[in-house]
């Protein structure tokens, strides 16, 4: 088995594409439109399947927001320097409807450096400090 993608429902497809490309540096890999069933898809990532997992953004026409519930946690991204990444993305995140919601620091009860950014729909993205060997 192979991890292919994670799907997130979004209230404004272009706003979310802008956030994931401009703030998180992902590439828009492909889009599709299903007019009969009234939804649009955008697949983004740092590379394409099957070598890389992707994010699938789903816009259901006419639905502007969703209740995220308490079961969803976050998507995690590895970065070389969490504090520098937060500094670099803070203004961009605000411009595209997101925010840095937890500054860089050690995870509770551990030493791993993490931070969180929230996308325009309220989904959390964890930034985890990684070196080439970790």
C-alpha atoms as a PDB file:
ATOM      1  CA  UNK A   1       0.000   0.000   0.000  1.00  0.00           C
ATOM      2  CA  UNK A   2       1.004   3.575  -0.565  1.00  0.00           C
ATOM      3  CA  UNK A   3      -0.288   6.846   0.913  1.00  0.00           C
ATOM      4  CA  UNK A   4      -1.759   8.762  -2.056  1.00  0.00           C
ATOM      5  CA  UNK A   5      -3.582  11.852  -0.805  1.00  0.00           C
ATOM      6  CA  UNK A   6      -5.542  13.558   1.946  1.00  0.00           C
ATOM      7  CA  UNK A   7      -8.804  15.279   0.994  1.00  0.00           C
ATOM      8  CA  UNK A   8      -9.927  18.524   2.594  1.00  0.00           C
ATOM      9  CA  UNK A   9     -13.271  20.190   1.855  1.00  0.00           C
ATOM     10  CA  UNK A  10     -12.838  23.922   1.306  1.00  0.00           C
ATOM     11  CA  UNK A  11     -15.225  26.871   1.081  1.00  0.00           C
ATOM     12  CA  UNK A  12     -13.373  28.752  -1.667  1.00  0.00           C
ATOM     13  CA  UNK A  13     -11.192  26.708  -4.011  1.00  0.00           C
ATOM     14  CA  UNK A  14      -9.078  29.527  -5.439  1.00  0.00           C
ATOM     15  CA  UNK A  15      -8.420  31.022  -1.981  1.00  0.00           C
ATOM     16  CA  UNK A  16      -7.221  27.619  -0.765  1.00  0.00           C
ATOM     17  CA  UNK A  17      -5.097  27.004  -3.874  1.00  0.00           C
ATOM     18  CA  UNK A  18      -3.475  30.407  -3.304  1.00  0.00           C
ATOM     19  CA  UNK A  19      -2.768  29.566   0.351  1.00  0.00           C
ATOM     20  CA  UNK A  20      -1.235  26.143  -0.338  1.00  0.00           C
ATOM     21  CA  UNK A  21       0.877  27.399  -3.254  1.00  0.00           C
ATOM     22  CA  UNK A  22       1.981  30.820  -1.963  1.00  0.00           C
ATOM     23  CA  UNK A  23       2.274  30.091   1.769  1.00  0.00           C
ATOM     24  CA  UNK A  24       3.257  26.411   1.867  1.00  0.00           C
ATOM     25  CA  UNK A  25       5.095  26.356  -1.464  1.00  0.00           C
ATOM     26  CA  UNK A  26       3.129  23.477  -2.971  1.00  0.00           C
ATOM     27  CA  UNK A  27       2.548  23.153  -6.690  1.00  0.00           C
ATOM     28  CA  UNK A  28      -0.894  22.935  -8.253  1.00  0.00           C
ATOM     29  CA  UNK A  29      -0.636  19.519  -9.913  1.00  0.00           C
ATOM     30  CA  UNK A  30      -4.032  19.185 -11.586  1.00  0.00           C
ATOM     31  CA  UNK A  31      -7.663  20.250 -11.359  1.00  0.00           C
ATOM     32  CA  UNK A  32     -10.950  18.739 -12.425  1.00  0.00           C
ATOM     33  CA  UNK A  33     -14.514  19.972 -12.626  1.00  0.00           C
ATOM     34  CA  UNK A  34     -17.625  17.834 -12.265  1.00  0.00           C
ATOM     35  CA  UNK A  35     -20.563  20.014 -13.276  1.00  0.00           C
ATOM     36  CA  UNK A  36     -23.113  17.193 -13.084  1.00  0.00           C
ATOM     37  CA  UNK A  37     -22.383  16.501  -9.415  1.00  0.00           C
ATOM     38  CA  UNK A  38     -21.417  20.114  -8.647  1.00  0.00           C
ATOM     39  CA  UNK A  39     -17.903  19.807  -7.276  1.00  0.00           C
ATOM     40  CA  UNK A  40     -14.401  20.919  -8.235  1.00  0.00           C
ATOM     41  CA  UNK A  41     -11.093  19.322  -7.268  1.00  0.00           C
ATOM     42  CA  UNK A  42      -7.537  20.616  -7.048  1.00  0.00           C
ATOM     43  CA  UNK A  43      -4.568  18.388  -6.264  1.00  0.00           C
ATOM     44  CA  UNK A  44      -1.488  20.032  -4.763  1.00  0.00           C
ATOM     45  CA  UNK A  45       1.822  18.824  -3.428  1.00  0.00           C
ATOM     46  CA  UNK A  46       5.583  18.934  -3.591  1.00  0.00           C
ATOM     47  CA  UNK A  47       5.560  16.260  -6.286  1.00  0.00           C
ATOM     48  CA  UNK A  48       3.067  13.894  -7.883  1.00  0.00           C
ATOM     49  CA  UNK A  49       1.798  10.437  -7.027  1.00  0.00           C
ATOM     50  CA  UNK A  50       3.022   7.830  -6.635  1.00  0.00           C
ATOM     51  CA  UNK A  51       6.365   9.242  -5.428  1.00  0.00           C
ATOM     52  CA  UNK A  52       4.745  11.939  -3.263  1.00  0.00           C
ATOM     53  CA  UNK A  53       1.515  12.181  -1.315  1.00  0.00           C
ATOM     54  CA  UNK A  54      -0.825  14.984  -2.353  1.00  0.00           C
ATOM     55  CA  UNK A  55      -3.514  17.205  -0.849  1.00  0.00           C
ATOM     56  CA  UNK A  56      -6.882  17.034  -2.612  1.00  0.00           C
ATOM     57  CA  UNK A  57      -8.941  20.190  -2.114  1.00  0.00           C
ATOM     58  CA  UNK A  58     -12.636  19.584  -2.767  1.00  0.00           C
ATOM     59  CA  UNK A  59     -15.044  22.435  -3.336  1.00  0.00           C
ATOM     60  CA  UNK A  60     -18.715  21.438  -3.282  1.00  0.00           C
ATOM     61  CA  UNK A  61     -20.465  24.167  -5.261  1.00  0.00           C
ATOM     62  CA  UNK A  62     -22.471  26.476  -3.033  1.00  0.00           C
ATOM     63  CA  UNK A  63     -20.920  25.330   0.263  1.00  0.00           C
ATOM     64  CA  UNK A  64     -18.845  28.131   1.784  1.00  0.00           C
ATOM     65  CA  UNK A  65     -17.811  26.573   5.100  1.00  0.00           C
ATOM     66  CA  UNK A  66     -17.696  23.319   7.056  1.00  0.00           C
ATOM     67  CA  UNK A  67     -17.756  22.249  10.680  1.00  0.00           C
ATOM     68  CA  UNK A  68     -14.353  20.696  11.231  1.00  0.00           C
ATOM     69  CA  UNK A  69     -15.420  18.666  14.255  1.00  0.00           C
ATOM     70  CA  UNK A  70     -13.162  17.384  16.984  1.00  0.00           C
ATOM     71  CA  UNK A  71     -11.776  14.298  15.243  1.00  0.00           C
ATOM     72  CA  UNK A  72      -9.553  16.045  12.692  1.00  0.00           C
ATOM     73  CA  UNK A  73      -6.035  16.777  13.895  1.00  0.00           C
ATOM     74  CA  UNK A  74      -3.601  18.161  11.337  1.00  0.00           C
ATOM     75  CA  UNK A  75      -1.421  17.601   8.298  1.00  0.00           C
ATOM     76  CA  UNK A  76       2.312  17.603   9.104  1.00  0.00           C
ATOM     77  CA  UNK A  77       5.170  19.013   7.027  1.00  0.00           C
ATOM     78  CA  UNK A  78       8.881  18.614   7.707  1.00  0.00           C
ATOM     79  CA  UNK A  79      10.970  21.790   7.458  1.00  0.00           C
ATOM     80  CA  UNK A  80      14.654  22.447   8.222  1.00  0.00           C
ATOM     81  CA  UNK A  81      14.048  25.444  10.545  1.00  0.00           C
ATOM     82  CA  UNK A  82      10.579  25.914  12.059  1.00  0.00           C
ATOM     83  CA  UNK A  83      11.190  29.416  13.446  1.00  0.00           C
ATOM     84  CA  UNK A  84      12.558  30.713  10.131  1.00  0.00           C
ATOM     85  CA  UNK A  85       9.678  29.058   8.255  1.00  0.00           C
ATOM     86  CA  UNK A  86       7.133  30.763  10.528  1.00  0.00           C
ATOM     87  CA  UNK A  87       8.874  34.116  10.041  1.00  0.00           C
ATOM     88  CA  UNK A  88       8.870  33.656   6.268  1.00  0.00           C
ATOM     89  CA  UNK A  89       5.235  32.609   6.026  1.00  0.00           C
ATOM     90  CA  UNK A  90       3.587  34.888   8.615  1.00  0.00           C
ATOM     91  CA  UNK A  91       2.783  37.788   6.255  1.00  0.00           C
ATOM     92  CA  UNK A  92       1.925  35.459   3.367  1.00  0.00           C
ATOM     93  CA  UNK A  93      -0.398  33.400   5.557  1.00  0.00           C
ATOM     94  CA  UNK A  94      -2.309  36.515   6.625  1.00  0.00           C
ATOM     95  CA  UNK A  95      -2.500  37.721   3.012  1.00  0.00           C
ATOM     96  CA  UNK A  96      -4.104  34.439   1.917  1.00  0.00           C
ATOM     97  CA  UNK A  97      -6.452  33.985   4.865  1.00  0.00           C
ATOM     98  CA  UNK A  98      -4.332  31.843   7.171  1.00  0.00           C
ATOM     99  CA  UNK A  99      -2.262  32.446  10.281  1.00  0.00           C
ATOM    100  CA  UNK A 100       0.626  31.114  12.311  1.00  0.00           C
ATOM    101  CA  UNK A 101      -1.311  29.873  15.345  1.00  0.00           C
ATOM    102  CA  UNK A 102       1.482  28.331  17.412  1.00  0.00           C
ATOM    103  CA  UNK A 103       4.964  29.763  17.323  1.00  0.00           C
ATOM    104  CA  UNK A 104       8.039  27.554  17.039  1.00  0.00           C
ATOM    105  CA  UNK A 105       8.960  25.733  20.219  1.00  0.00           C
ATOM    106  CA  UNK A 106       9.369  22.290  21.702  1.00  0.00           C
ATOM    107  CA  UNK A 107       6.439  19.914  21.667  1.00  0.00           C
ATOM    108  CA  UNK A 108       4.893  19.436  25.104  1.00  0.00           C
ATOM    109  CA  UNK A 109       6.818  16.732  26.930  1.00  0.00           C
ATOM    110  CA  UNK A 110       9.554  16.515  24.285  1.00  0.00           C
ATOM    111  CA  UNK A 111      12.362  18.245  22.466  1.00  0.00           C
ATOM    112  CA  UNK A 112      11.099  18.208  18.863  1.00  0.00           C
ATOM    113  CA  UNK A 113      10.566  21.763  17.591  1.00  0.00           C
ATOM    114  CA  UNK A 114       7.119  22.341  16.090  1.00  0.00           C
ATOM    115  CA  UNK A 115       4.750  25.144  15.115  1.00  0.00           C
ATOM    116  CA  UNK A 116       1.267  25.335  13.616  1.00  0.00           C
ATOM    117  CA  UNK A 117      -0.209  27.343  10.779  1.00  0.00           C
ATOM    118  CA  UNK A 118      -3.926  27.355  10.026  1.00  0.00           C
ATOM    119  CA  UNK A 119      -5.279  27.541   6.467  1.00  0.00           C
ATOM    120  CA  UNK A 120      -8.228  29.742   5.372  1.00  0.00           C
ATOM    121  CA  UNK A 121     -10.764  27.021   6.262  1.00  0.00           C
ATOM    122  CA  UNK A 122      -9.321  26.413   9.727  1.00  0.00           C
ATOM    123  CA  UNK A 123      -7.342  23.246   8.952  1.00  0.00           C
ATOM    124  CA  UNK A 124      -4.171  22.941  10.990  1.00  0.00           C
ATOM    125  CA  UNK A 125      -0.779  22.262   9.422  1.00  0.00           C
ATOM    126  CA  UNK A 126       1.990  21.238  11.793  1.00  0.00           C
ATOM    127  CA  UNK A 127       5.543  22.247  10.915  1.00  0.00           C
ATOM    128  CA  UNK A 128       8.109  19.812  12.330  1.00  0.00           C
ATOM    129  CA  UNK A 129      11.806  20.643  12.398  1.00  0.00           C
ATOM    130  CA  UNK A 130      13.727  17.998  10.466  1.00  0.00           C
ATOM    131  CA  UNK A 131      17.311  17.644   9.453  1.00  0.00           C
ATOM    132  CA  UNK A 132      18.428  15.556   6.480  1.00  0.00           C
ATOM    133  CA  UNK A 133      18.898  12.551   8.798  1.00  0.00           C
ATOM    134  CA  UNK A 134      15.602  12.806  10.730  1.00  0.00           C
END
